[in-house]
Amino acid sequence: MKNYLRNVFNNLRKLHLDDLTPNPFLMKLVGSAAKFNSAKDLVEYMLNARIERSTSTSFGNSKDCNCIF
């Protein structure tokens, strides 16, 4: 699990803005609802969501493997 998370964070560090493919309509709604004041706020939101999704998925997958075997 730790190795997987290290890999996730290493991959996140390598991301470029071109790698993020936001839905402009959704981001407009998110930015408005969250009262984001800058593009930086929106990028941080997207990265935080990616981190949470990656860690939750990896944790769930590791527990699934333990239950199955």
N, C-alpha and C. Protein backbone atom coordinates (compact mmCIF):
# COMPACT_ATOMS: atom_id res chain seq x y z
N MET A 1 0.82 -1.18 0.00
CA MET A 1 0.00 0.00 0.00
C MET A 1 0.87 1.26 0.00
N LYS A 2 1.92 1.28 0.84
CA LYS A 2 2.79 2.44 0.88
C LYS A 2 3.47 2.67 -0.46
N ASN A 3 3.91 1.59 -1.08
CA ASN A 3 4.56 1.72 -2.39
C ASN A 3 3.59 2.27 -3.43
N TYR A 4 2.35 1.79 -3.38
CA TYR A 4 1.34 2.29 -4.31
C TYR A 4 1.12 3.78 -4.11
N LEU A 5 1.00 4.20 -2.86
CA LEU A 5 0.78 5.62 -2.57
C LEU A 5 1.98 6.47 -2.98
N ARG A 6 3.18 5.95 -2.77
CA ARG A 6 4.37 6.69 -3.23
C ARG A 6 4.31 6.88 -4.74
N ASN A 7 3.89 5.84 -5.44
CA ASN A 7 3.77 5.91 -6.89
C ASN A 7 2.71 6.94 -7.29
N VAL A 8 1.59 6.96 -6.58
CA VAL A 8 0.53 7.94 -6.86
C VAL A 8 1.08 9.35 -6.71
N PHE A 9 1.77 9.62 -5.61
CA PHE A 9 2.30 10.97 -5.38
C PHE A 9 3.40 11.32 -6.37
N ASN A 10 4.22 10.36 -6.74
CA ASN A 10 5.24 10.62 -7.78
C ASN A 10 4.58 10.99 -9.10
N ASN A 11 3.52 10.27 -9.45
CA ASN A 11 2.79 10.58 -10.68
C ASN A 11 2.14 11.95 -10.62
N LEU A 12 1.61 12.31 -9.46
CA LEU A 12 0.99 13.63 -9.31
C LEU A 12 2.02 14.74 -9.47
N ARG A 13 3.21 14.50 -8.97
CA ARG A 13 4.27 15.52 -9.10
C ARG A 13 4.66 15.74 -10.56
N LYS A 14 4.46 14.72 -11.38
CA LYS A 14 4.83 14.82 -12.79
C LYS A 14 3.72 15.42 -13.66
N LEU A 15 2.55 15.64 -13.08
CA LEU A 15 1.42 16.16 -13.86
C LEU A 15 1.70 17.56 -14.39
N HIS A 16 1.16 17.81 -15.55
CA HIS A 16 1.19 19.14 -16.15
C HIS A 16 -0.26 19.58 -16.32
N LEU A 17 -0.45 20.86 -16.49
CA LEU A 17 -1.81 21.36 -16.68
C LEU A 17 -2.50 20.68 -17.85
N ASP A 18 -1.76 20.36 -18.88
CA ASP A 18 -2.34 19.69 -20.04
C ASP A 18 -2.87 18.29 -19.71
N ASP A 19 -2.39 17.71 -18.62
CA ASP A 19 -2.83 16.37 -18.21
C ASP A 19 -4.21 16.40 -17.56
N LEU A 20 -4.59 17.55 -17.04
CA LEU A 20 -5.89 17.69 -16.41
C LEU A 20 -6.92 17.99 -17.49
N THR A 21 -7.97 17.23 -17.51
CA THR A 21 -9.00 17.43 -18.53
C THR A 21 -10.34 17.70 -17.85
N PRO A 22 -10.47 18.90 -17.32
CA PRO A 22 -11.69 19.20 -16.58
C PRO A 22 -12.89 19.41 -17.51
N ASN A 23 -14.05 19.11 -16.98
CA ASN A 23 -15.29 19.45 -17.65
C ASN A 23 -15.55 20.92 -17.34
N PRO A 24 -15.51 21.80 -18.36
CA PRO A 24 -15.63 23.23 -18.08
C PRO A 24 -16.95 23.62 -17.42
N PHE A 25 -18.01 22.93 -17.76
CA PHE A 25 -19.32 23.25 -17.16
C PHE A 25 -19.34 22.86 -15.68
N LEU A 26 -18.80 21.69 -15.38
CA LEU A 26 -18.74 21.23 -14.00
C LEU A 26 -17.81 22.12 -13.18
N MET A 27 -16.67 22.48 -13.75
CA MET A 27 -15.72 23.32 -13.02
C MET A 27 -16.30 24.71 -12.74
N LYS A 28 -17.11 25.22 -13.66
CA LYS A 28 -17.78 26.51 -13.43
C LYS A 28 -18.72 26.38 -12.23
N LEU A 29 -19.47 25.29 -12.16
CA LEU A 29 -20.38 25.07 -11.04
C LEU A 29 -19.62 24.87 -9.73
N VAL A 30 -18.57 24.06 -9.77
CA VAL A 30 -17.75 23.80 -8.58
C VAL A 30 -17.12 25.10 -8.09
N GLY A 31 -16.53 25.84 -9.02
CA GLY A 31 -15.87 27.09 -8.65
C GLY A 31 -16.84 28.08 -8.03
N SER A 32 -18.02 28.13 -8.57
CA SER A 32 -19.04 29.04 -8.05
C SER A 32 -19.53 28.59 -6.67
N ALA A 33 -19.83 27.30 -6.54
CA ALA A 33 -20.34 26.78 -5.28
C ALA A 33 -19.30 26.87 -4.16
N ALA A 34 -18.04 26.62 -4.50
CA ALA A 34 -16.98 26.64 -3.50
C ALA A 34 -16.38 28.03 -3.31
N LYS A 35 -16.84 28.98 -4.12
CA LYS A 35 -16.36 30.37 -4.07
C LYS A 35 -14.85 30.45 -4.29
N PHE A 36 -14.39 29.69 -5.29
CA PHE A 36 -12.99 29.77 -5.67
C PHE A 36 -12.73 31.13 -6.29
N ASN A 37 -11.58 31.71 -5.98
CA ASN A 37 -11.23 33.04 -6.47
C ASN A 37 -10.19 33.03 -7.57
N SER A 38 -9.65 31.86 -7.88
CA SER A 38 -8.59 31.82 -8.89
C SER A 38 -8.53 30.44 -9.54
N ALA A 39 -7.82 30.40 -10.66
CA ALA A 39 -7.61 29.12 -11.33
C ALA A 39 -6.79 28.19 -10.45
N LYS A 40 -5.89 28.78 -9.65
CA LYS A 40 -5.07 27.97 -8.74
C LYS A 40 -5.96 27.20 -7.76
N ASP A 41 -7.02 27.85 -7.26
CA ASP A 41 -7.95 27.16 -6.35
C ASP A 41 -8.60 25.97 -7.04
N LEU A 42 -8.95 26.14 -8.29
CA LEU A 42 -9.60 25.07 -9.04
C LEU A 42 -8.64 23.92 -9.31
N VAL A 43 -7.40 24.23 -9.64
CA VAL A 43 -6.38 23.19 -9.88
C VAL A 43 -6.12 22.43 -8.58
N GLU A 44 -6.02 23.13 -7.47
CA GLU A 44 -5.83 22.46 -6.17
C GLU A 44 -7.00 21.52 -5.87
N TYR A 45 -8.20 21.98 -6.16
CA TYR A 45 -9.39 21.14 -5.96
C TYR A 45 -9.27 19.87 -6.80
N MET A 46 -8.89 20.02 -8.06
CA MET A 46 -8.78 18.86 -8.95
C MET A 46 -7.70 17.90 -8.48
N LEU A 47 -6.57 18.43 -8.02
CA LEU A 47 -5.49 17.55 -7.52
C LEU A 47 -5.92 16.85 -6.23
N ASN A 48 -6.56 17.58 -5.34
CA ASN A 48 -7.03 16.96 -4.09
C ASN A 48 -8.03 15.85 -4.37
N ALA A 49 -8.91 16.09 -5.34
CA ALA A 49 -9.89 15.06 -5.70
C ALA A 49 -9.18 13.83 -6.26
N ARG A 50 -8.16 14.06 -7.05
CA ARG A 50 -7.41 12.94 -7.64
C ARG A 50 -6.68 12.15 -6.56
N ILE A 51 -6.10 12.86 -5.60
CA ILE A 51 -5.40 12.19 -4.50
C ILE A 51 -6.38 11.34 -3.70
N GLU A 52 -7.51 11.92 -3.36
CA GLU A 52 -8.50 11.19 -2.56
C GLU A 52 -9.00 9.97 -3.30
N ARG A 53 -9.29 10.14 -4.59
CA ARG A 53 -9.79 9.03 -5.39
C ARG A 53 -8.76 7.92 -5.48
N SER A 54 -7.51 8.28 -5.69
CA SER A 54 -6.44 7.28 -5.82
C SER A 54 -6.23 6.51 -4.52
N THR A 55 -6.20 7.24 -3.40
CA THR A 55 -5.96 6.55 -2.13
C THR A 55 -7.16 5.70 -1.73
N SER A 56 -8.35 6.19 -1.96
CA SER A 56 -9.55 5.40 -1.63
C SER A 56 -9.62 4.14 -2.47
N THR A 57 -9.33 4.28 -3.75
CA THR A 57 -9.36 3.12 -4.65
C THR A 57 -8.32 2.09 -4.26
N SER A 58 -7.11 2.56 -3.96
CA SER A 58 -6.05 1.60 -3.60
C SER A 58 -6.37 0.91 -2.29
N PHE A 59 -6.91 1.65 -1.33
CA PHE A 59 -7.26 1.04 -0.06
C PHE A 59 -8.37 0.00 -0.26
N GLY A 60 -9.37 0.37 -1.02
CA GLY A 60 -10.47 -0.56 -1.29
C GLY A 60 -10.00 -1.79 -2.03
N ASN A 61 -9.14 -1.60 -3.01
CA ASN A 61 -8.61 -2.74 -3.75
C ASN A 61 -7.79 -3.66 -2.85
N SER A 62 -7.02 -3.08 -1.95
CA SER A 62 -6.20 -3.92 -1.07
C SER A 62 -7.11 -4.71 -0.12
N LYS A 63 -8.19 -4.12 0.34
CA LYS A 63 -9.12 -4.84 1.23
C LYS A 63 -9.88 -5.90 0.44
N ASP A 64 -10.25 -5.62 -0.81
CA ASP A 64 -10.92 -6.62 -1.64
C ASP A 64 -10.04 -7.85 -1.81
N CYS A 65 -8.76 -7.61 -2.06
CA CYS A 65 -7.83 -8.73 -2.25
C CYS A 65 -7.73 -9.57 -0.97
N ASN A 66 -7.72 -8.91 0.18
CA ASN A 66 -7.63 -9.63 1.43
C ASN A 66 -8.88 -10.46 1.68
N CYS A 67 -10.02 -9.97 1.26
CA CYS A 67 -11.28 -10.68 1.49
C CYS A 67 -11.45 -11.86 0.54
N ILE A 68 -10.98 -11.69 -0.67
CA ILE A 68 -11.15 -12.73 -1.68
C ILE A 68 -10.22 -13.90 -1.43
N PHE A 69 -9.01 -13.61 -1.01
CA PHE A 69 -8.03 -14.68 -0.84
C PHE A 69 -7.93 -15.04 0.58
